[in-house]
PDB file of N, CA and C in Angstrom:
ATOM      1  N   MET A   1      12.274  -7.268 -12.073  1.00  0.00           N
ATOM      2  CA  MET A   1      11.937  -6.197 -11.532  1.00  0.00           C
ATOM      3  C   MET A   1      12.050  -6.316  -9.874  1.00  0.00           C
ATOM      4  N   THR A   2      12.509  -5.245  -9.003  1.00  0.00           N
ATOM      5  CA  THR A   2      12.613  -5.402  -7.905  1.00  0.00           C
ATOM      6  C   THR A   2      11.393  -5.265  -7.172  1.00  0.00           C
ATOM      7  N   THR A   3      11.207  -5.336  -5.742  1.00  0.00           N
ATOM      8  CA  THR A   3      10.014  -5.180  -4.747  1.00  0.00           C
ATOM      9  C   THR A   3       9.977  -3.430  -4.716  1.00  0.00           C
ATOM     10  N   ARG A   4      11.203  -2.808  -4.906  1.00  0.00           N
ATOM     11  CA  ARG A   4      11.017  -1.020  -4.858  1.00  0.00           C
ATOM     12  C   ARG A   4      10.460  -0.752  -6.252  1.00  0.00           C
ATOM     13  N   GLU A   5      10.988  -1.305  -6.978  1.00  0.00           N
ATOM     14  CA  GLU A   5      10.612  -1.025  -8.513  1.00  0.00           C
ATOM     15  C   GLU A   5       8.662  -0.983  -8.838  1.00  0.00           C
ATOM     16  N   ILE A   6       8.585  -2.138  -8.363  1.00  0.00           N
ATOM     17  CA  ILE A   6       7.140  -2.557  -8.309  1.00  0.00           C
ATOM     18  C   ILE A   6       6.217  -1.817  -7.224  1.00  0.00           C
ATOM     19  N   LEU A   7       6.785  -1.160  -6.163  1.00  0.00           N
ATOM     20  CA  LEU A   7       6.120  -0.415  -5.474  1.00  0.00           C
ATOM     21  C   LEU A   7       6.197   1.056  -6.089  1.00  0.00           C
ATOM     22  N   GLU A   8       7.106   1.596  -6.628  1.00  0.00           N
ATOM     23  CA  GLU A   8       7.114   2.816  -7.263  1.00  0.00           C
ATOM     24  C   GLU A   8       5.993   2.815  -8.102  1.00  0.00           C
ATOM     25  N   ALA A   9       5.980   1.673  -9.076  1.00  0.00           N
ATOM     26  CA  ALA A   9       5.246   1.407 -10.082  1.00  0.00           C
ATOM     27  C   ALA A   9       3.586   1.656  -9.428  1.00  0.00           C
ATOM     28  N   ALA A  10       3.375   0.960  -8.557  1.00  0.00           N
ATOM     29  CA  ALA A  10       1.935   0.851  -7.877  1.00  0.00           C
ATOM     30  C   ALA A  10       1.580   2.152  -7.383  1.00  0.00           C
ATOM     31  N   LEU A  11       2.706   2.803  -6.801  1.00  0.00           N
ATOM     32  CA  LEU A  11       2.008   4.029  -6.331  1.00  0.00           C
ATOM     33  C   LEU A  11       1.808   5.511  -7.321  1.00  0.00           C
ATOM     34  N   ASN A  12       2.167   5.095  -8.696  1.00  0.00           N
ATOM     35  CA  ASN A  12       1.733   5.871  -9.809  1.00  0.00           C
ATOM     36  C   ASN A  12       0.250   5.428 -10.229  1.00  0.00           C
ATOM     37  N   LEU A  13      -0.227   4.458  -9.957  1.00  0.00           N
ATOM     38  CA  LEU A  13      -1.186   4.092 -10.182  1.00  0.00           C
ATOM     39  C   LEU A  13      -2.432   4.988  -9.856  1.00  0.00           C
ATOM     40  N   ASP A  14      -3.655   5.232 -10.440  1.00  0.00           N
ATOM     41  CA  ASP A  14      -4.684   5.673  -9.687  1.00  0.00           C
ATOM     42  C   ASP A  14      -5.278   5.134  -8.363  1.00  0.00           C
ATOM     43  N   PRO A  15      -6.060   5.873  -7.355  1.00  0.00           N
ATOM     44  CA  PRO A  15      -6.499   5.508  -6.261  1.00  0.00           C
ATOM     45  C   PRO A  15      -6.941   4.044  -6.304  1.00  0.00           C
ATOM     46  N   ALA A  16      -8.224   3.878  -7.428  1.00  0.00           N
ATOM     47  CA  ALA A  16      -9.080   2.884  -7.377  1.00  0.00           C
ATOM     48  C   ALA A  16      -8.121   1.743  -8.064  1.00  0.00           C
ATOM     49  N   GLU A  17      -7.152   1.989  -8.850  1.00  0.00           N
ATOM     50  CA  GLU A  17      -6.074   0.516  -9.134  1.00  0.00           C
ATOM     51  C   GLU A  17      -5.457   0.239  -7.966  1.00  0.00           C
ATOM     52  N   ARG A  18      -4.786   1.223  -7.155  1.00  0.00           N
ATOM     53  CA  ARG A  18      -4.395   0.815  -6.098  1.00  0.00           C
ATOM     54  C   ARG A  18      -4.976   0.070  -4.963  1.00  0.00           C
ATOM     55  N   TRP A  19      -6.124   0.328  -4.891  1.00  0.00           N
ATOM     56  CA  TRP A  19      -7.369  -0.374  -3.957  1.00  0.00           C
ATOM     57  C   TRP A  19      -7.390  -1.786  -4.623  1.00  0.00           C
ATOM     58  N   GLN A  20      -7.330  -2.013  -5.862  1.00  0.00           N
ATOM     59  CA  GLN A  20      -7.595  -3.243  -6.381  1.00  0.00           C
ATOM     60  C   GLN A  20      -6.549  -4.083  -6.350  1.00  0.00           C
ATOM     61  N   LEU A  21      -5.318  -3.537  -6.232  1.00  0.00           N
ATOM     62  CA  LEU A  21      -4.004  -4.477  -6.156  1.00  0.00           C
ATOM     63  C   LEU A  21      -3.800  -4.447  -4.509  1.00  0.00           C
ATOM     64  N   ILE A  22      -4.151  -3.622  -3.830  1.00  0.00           N
ATOM     65  CA  ILE A  22      -4.126  -4.000  -2.269  1.00  0.00           C
ATOM     66  C   ILE A  22      -4.923  -5.068  -1.971  1.00  0.00           C
ATOM     67  N   GLU A  23      -6.161  -5.181  -2.777  1.00  0.00           N
ATOM     68  CA  GLU A  23      -7.260  -6.253  -2.387  1.00  0.00           C
ATOM     69  C   GLU A  23      -6.819  -7.449  -2.832  1.00  0.00           C
ATOM     70  N   GLU A  24      -6.221  -7.538  -4.215  1.00  0.00           N
ATOM     71  CA  GLU A  24      -5.761  -8.814  -4.909  1.00  0.00           C
ATOM     72  C   GLU A  24      -4.451  -9.434  -3.892  1.00  0.00           C
ATOM     73  N   LEU A  25      -3.650  -8.358  -3.546  1.00  0.00           N
ATOM     74  CA  LEU A  25      -2.422  -8.929  -2.761  1.00  0.00           C
ATOM     75  C   LEU A  25      -3.074  -9.627  -1.496  1.00  0.00           C
ATOM     76  N   ALA A  26      -3.850  -9.013  -0.837  1.00  0.00           N
ATOM     77  CA  ALA A  26      -4.209  -9.455   0.465  1.00  0.00           C
ATOM     78  C   ALA A  26      -5.100 -10.625   0.404  1.00  0.00           C
ATOM     79  N   ALA A  27      -5.697 -10.915  -0.679  1.00  0.00           N
ATOM     80  CA  ALA A  27      -6.296 -12.202  -0.821  1.00  0.00           C
ATOM     81  C   ALA A  27      -5.414 -13.171  -1.405  1.00  0.00           C
ATOM     82  N   SER A  28      -4.375 -12.979  -1.805  1.00  0.00           N
ATOM     83  CA  SER A  28      -3.297 -13.975  -2.230  1.00  0.00           C
ATOM     84  C   SER A  28      -2.685 -14.529  -1.080  1.00  0.00           C
ATOM     85  N   LEU A  29      -2.805 -13.987   0.308  1.00  0.00           N
ATOM     86  CA  LEU A  29      -2.015 -14.344   1.216  1.00  0.00           C
ATOM     87  C   LEU A  29      -2.805 -15.580   1.769  1.00  0.00           C
ATOM     88  N   PRO A  30      -2.219 -16.284   2.940  1.00  0.00           N
ATOM     89  CA  PRO A  30      -2.906 -17.463   3.575  1.00  0.00           C
ATOM     90  C   PRO A  30      -3.855 -17.038   4.412  1.00  0.00           C
ATOM     91  N   SER A  31      -5.194 -17.500   4.432  1.00  0.00           N
ATOM     92  CA  SER A  31      -6.185 -16.909   5.173  1.00  0.00           C
ATOM     93  C   SER A  31      -6.150 -16.565   6.622  1.00  0.00           C
ATOM     94  N   ASP A  32      -5.028 -17.241   6.996  1.00  0.00           N
ATOM     95  CA  ASP A  32      -4.778 -17.232   8.466  1.00  0.00           C
ATOM     96  C   ASP A  32      -3.704 -15.738   8.813  1.00  0.00           C
ATOM     97  N   PHE A  33      -3.598 -15.047   7.558  1.00  0.00           N
ATOM     98  CA  PHE A  33      -2.714 -13.770   7.943  1.00  0.00           C
ATOM     99  C   PHE A  33      -3.000 -12.951   9.066  1.00  0.00           C
ATOM    100  N   ALA A  34      -4.384 -12.687   8.965  1.00  0.00           N
ATOM    101  CA  ALA A  34      -4.615 -11.455   9.765  1.00  0.00           C
ATOM    102  C   ALA A  34      -6.389 -11.826  10.177  1.00  0.00           C
ATOM    103  N   SER A  35      -6.624 -11.392  11.252  1.00  0.00           N
ATOM    104  CA  SER A  35      -8.140 -11.283  11.658  1.00  0.00           C
ATOM    105  C   SER A  35      -8.671 -10.124  10.621  1.00  0.00           C
ATOM    106  N   PRO A  36     -10.308 -10.204  10.411  1.00  0.00           N
ATOM    107  CA  PRO A  36     -10.827  -9.103   9.779  1.00  0.00           C
ATOM    108  C   PRO A  36     -10.392  -7.885  10.452  1.00  0.00           C
ATOM    109  N   GLU A  37     -10.557  -7.875  11.823  1.00  0.00           N
ATOM    110  CA  GLU A  37     -10.165  -6.516  12.457  1.00  0.00           C
ATOM    111  C   GLU A  37      -8.844  -6.090  11.801  1.00  0.00           C
ATOM    112  N   ILE A  38      -7.736  -6.716  11.977  1.00  0.00           N
ATOM    113  CA  ILE A  38      -6.486  -6.251  11.633  1.00  0.00           C
ATOM    114  C   ILE A  38      -6.365  -5.877  10.170  1.00  0.00           C
ATOM    115  N   GLU A  39      -6.862  -6.638   9.329  1.00  0.00           N
ATOM    116  CA  GLU A  39      -6.926  -6.326   7.968  1.00  0.00           C
ATOM    117  C   GLU A  39      -7.523  -5.192   7.717  1.00  0.00           C
ATOM    118  N   GLN A  40      -8.751  -4.743   8.526  1.00  0.00           N
ATOM    119  CA  GLN A  40      -9.341  -3.489   8.205  1.00  0.00           C
ATOM    120  C   GLN A  40      -8.533  -2.338   8.630  1.00  0.00           C
ATOM    121  N   SER A  41      -7.768  -2.596   9.755  1.00  0.00           N
ATOM    122  CA  SER A  41      -6.827  -1.670  10.344  1.00  0.00           C
ATOM    123  C   SER A  41      -5.671  -1.339   9.515  1.00  0.00           C
ATOM    124  N   TRP A  42      -5.395  -2.211   8.974  1.00  0.00           N
ATOM    125  CA  TRP A  42      -4.029  -2.124   7.975  1.00  0.00           C
ATOM    126  C   TRP A  42      -4.635  -1.539   6.473  1.00  0.00           C
ATOM    127  N   LEU A  43      -5.699  -1.814   6.353  1.00  0.00           N
ATOM    128  CA  LEU A  43      -6.187  -0.842   4.734  1.00  0.00           C
ATOM    129  C   LEU A  43      -6.587   0.403   5.365  1.00  0.00           C
ATOM    130  N   THR A  44      -6.987   0.796   6.378  1.00  0.00           N
ATOM    131  CA  THR A  44      -7.301   2.245   6.700  1.00  0.00           C
ATOM    132  C   THR A  44      -6.085   3.084   6.676  1.00  0.00           C
ATOM    133  N   GLU A  45      -4.978   2.280   7.389  1.00  0.00           N
ATOM    134  CA  GLU A  45      -3.344   2.762   7.539  1.00  0.00           C
ATOM    135  C   GLU A  45      -2.973   2.926   6.024  1.00  0.00           C
ATOM    136  N   ILE A  46      -3.202   2.054   5.471  1.00  0.00           N
ATOM    137  CA  ILE A  46      -2.794   2.267   3.992  1.00  0.00           C
ATOM    138  C   ILE A  46      -3.363   3.391   3.076  1.00  0.00           C
ATOM    139  N   ASP A  47      -4.708   3.354   3.499  1.00  0.00           N
ATOM    140  CA  ASP A  47      -5.417   4.765   2.863  1.00  0.00           C
ATOM    141  C   ASP A  47      -4.974   5.959   3.520  1.00  0.00           C
ATOM    142  N   ARG A  48      -4.842   6.082   4.604  1.00  0.00           N
ATOM    143  CA  ARG A  48      -4.173   7.277   5.320  1.00  0.00           C
ATOM    144  C   ARG A  48      -3.184   7.643   4.891  1.00  0.00           C
ATOM    145  N   ARG A  49      -1.965   6.634   4.467  1.00  0.00           N
ATOM    146  CA  ARG A  49      -0.755   6.974   3.868  1.00  0.00           C
ATOM    147  C   ARG A  49      -0.857   7.264   2.433  1.00  0.00           C
ATOM    148  N   SER A  50      -1.563   6.580   1.916  1.00  0.00           N
ATOM    149  CA  SER A  50      -1.857   6.856   0.332  1.00  0.00           C
ATOM    150  C   SER A  50      -2.315   8.252   0.029  1.00  0.00           C
ATOM    151  N   ASN A  51      -3.303   8.600   0.930  1.00  0.00           N
ATOM    152  CA  ASN A  51      -3.952  10.024   0.828  1.00  0.00           C
ATOM    153  C   ASN A  51      -2.943  10.889   1.165  1.00  0.00           C
ATOM    154  N   GLU A  52      -1.843  10.994   1.980  1.00  0.00           N
ATOM    155  CA  GLU A  52      -0.719  11.899   2.429  1.00  0.00           C
ATOM    156  C   GLU A  52      -0.012  11.850   1.221  1.00  0.00           C
ATOM    157  N   ILE A  53       0.418  10.709   0.563  1.00  0.00           N
ATOM    158  CA  ILE A  53       1.304  10.906  -0.380  1.00  0.00           C
ATOM    159  C   ILE A  53       0.543  11.543  -1.758  1.00  0.00           C
ATOM    160  N   ASP A  54      -0.735  11.234  -1.812  1.00  0.00           N
ATOM    161  CA  ASP A  54      -1.470  11.991  -3.004  1.00  0.00           C
ATOM    162  C   ASP A  54      -1.398  13.658  -2.697  1.00  0.00           C
ATOM    163  N   ALA A  55      -1.673  13.797  -1.401  1.00  0.00           N
ATOM    164  CA  ALA A  55      -1.837  15.224  -1.066  1.00  0.00           C
ATOM    165  C   ALA A  55      -0.682  15.859  -0.921  1.00  0.00           C
ATOM    166  N   GLY A  56       0.572  15.278  -0.865  1.00  0.00           N
ATOM    167  CA  GLY A  56       1.896  16.120  -1.026  1.00  0.00           C
ATOM    168  C   GLY A  56       2.514  16.232   0.454  1.00  0.00           C
ATOM    169  N   THR A  57       1.803  15.510   1.501  1.00  0.00           N
ATOM    170  CA  THR A  57       1.748  15.800   2.812  1.00  0.00           C
ATOM    171  C   THR A  57       2.589  15.068   3.686  1.00  0.00           C
ATOM    172  N   ALA A  58       3.268  13.915   3.001  1.00  0.00           N
ATOM    173  CA  ALA A  58       4.014  13.066   3.257  1.00  0.00           C
ATOM    174  C   ALA A  58       5.460  13.164   3.239  1.00  0.00           C
ATOM    175  N   GLU A  59       6.234  12.610   4.294  1.00  0.00           N
ATOM    176  CA  GLU A  59       7.675  13.036   4.195  1.00  0.00           C
ATOM    177  C   GLU A  59       8.297  11.580   3.375  1.00  0.00           C
ATOM    178  N   LEU A  60       8.561  11.579   2.066  1.00  0.00           N
ATOM    179  CA  LEU A  60       9.135  10.535   1.682  1.00  0.00           C
ATOM    180  C   LEU A  60      10.701  10.721   1.629  1.00  0.00           C
ATOM    181  N   LEU A  61      11.174   9.264   1.817  1.00  0.00           N
ATOM    182  CA  LEU A  61      12.769   9.148   2.022  1.00  0.00           C
ATOM    183  C   LEU A  61      13.248   8.242   0.728  1.00  0.00           C
ATOM    184  N   VAL A  62      14.486   8.446   0.441  1.00  0.00           N
ATOM    185  CA  VAL A  62      14.989   7.301  -0.574  1.00  0.00           C
ATOM    186  C   VAL A  62      15.506   6.315   0.297  1.00  0.00           C
ATOM    187  N   TRP A  63      15.186   5.014  -0.519  1.00  0.00           N
ATOM    188  CA  TRP A  63      15.606   3.857   0.120  1.00  0.00           C
ATOM    189  C   TRP A  63      16.871   3.664   0.815  1.00  0.00           C
ATOM    190  N   THR A  64      17.769   4.405   0.186  1.00  0.00           N
ATOM    191  CA  THR A  64      19.093   4.182   1.120  1.00  0.00           C
ATOM    192  C   THR A  64      19.308   4.977   2.140  1.00  0.00           C
ATOM    193  N   GLU A  65      18.570   6.111   2.361  1.00  0.00           N
ATOM    194  CA  GLU A  65      18.337   6.943   3.681  1.00  0.00           C
ATOM    195  C   GLU A  65      17.699   6.170   4.697  1.00  0.00           C
ATOM    196  N   VAL A  66      16.753   5.196   4.490  1.00  0.00           N
ATOM    197  CA  VAL A  66      15.960   4.659   5.244  1.00  0.00           C
ATOM    198  C   VAL A  66      16.946   3.442   5.965  1.00  0.00           C
TER     199      VAL A  66
END
């Protein structure tokens, strides 16, 4: 399974499951990955983007276009 396929599958999860996935992935990274402030900023941004996708207001691009 490719990273893209994993991402697409993850985006089909309900919000609670996506949060759980985010938390578990973040916990799997080295402890010096980011300060708590940076980590919170990323989680806030991820939540904002996820909400835009759920609301249908995000502009999604095909990977080959990116």
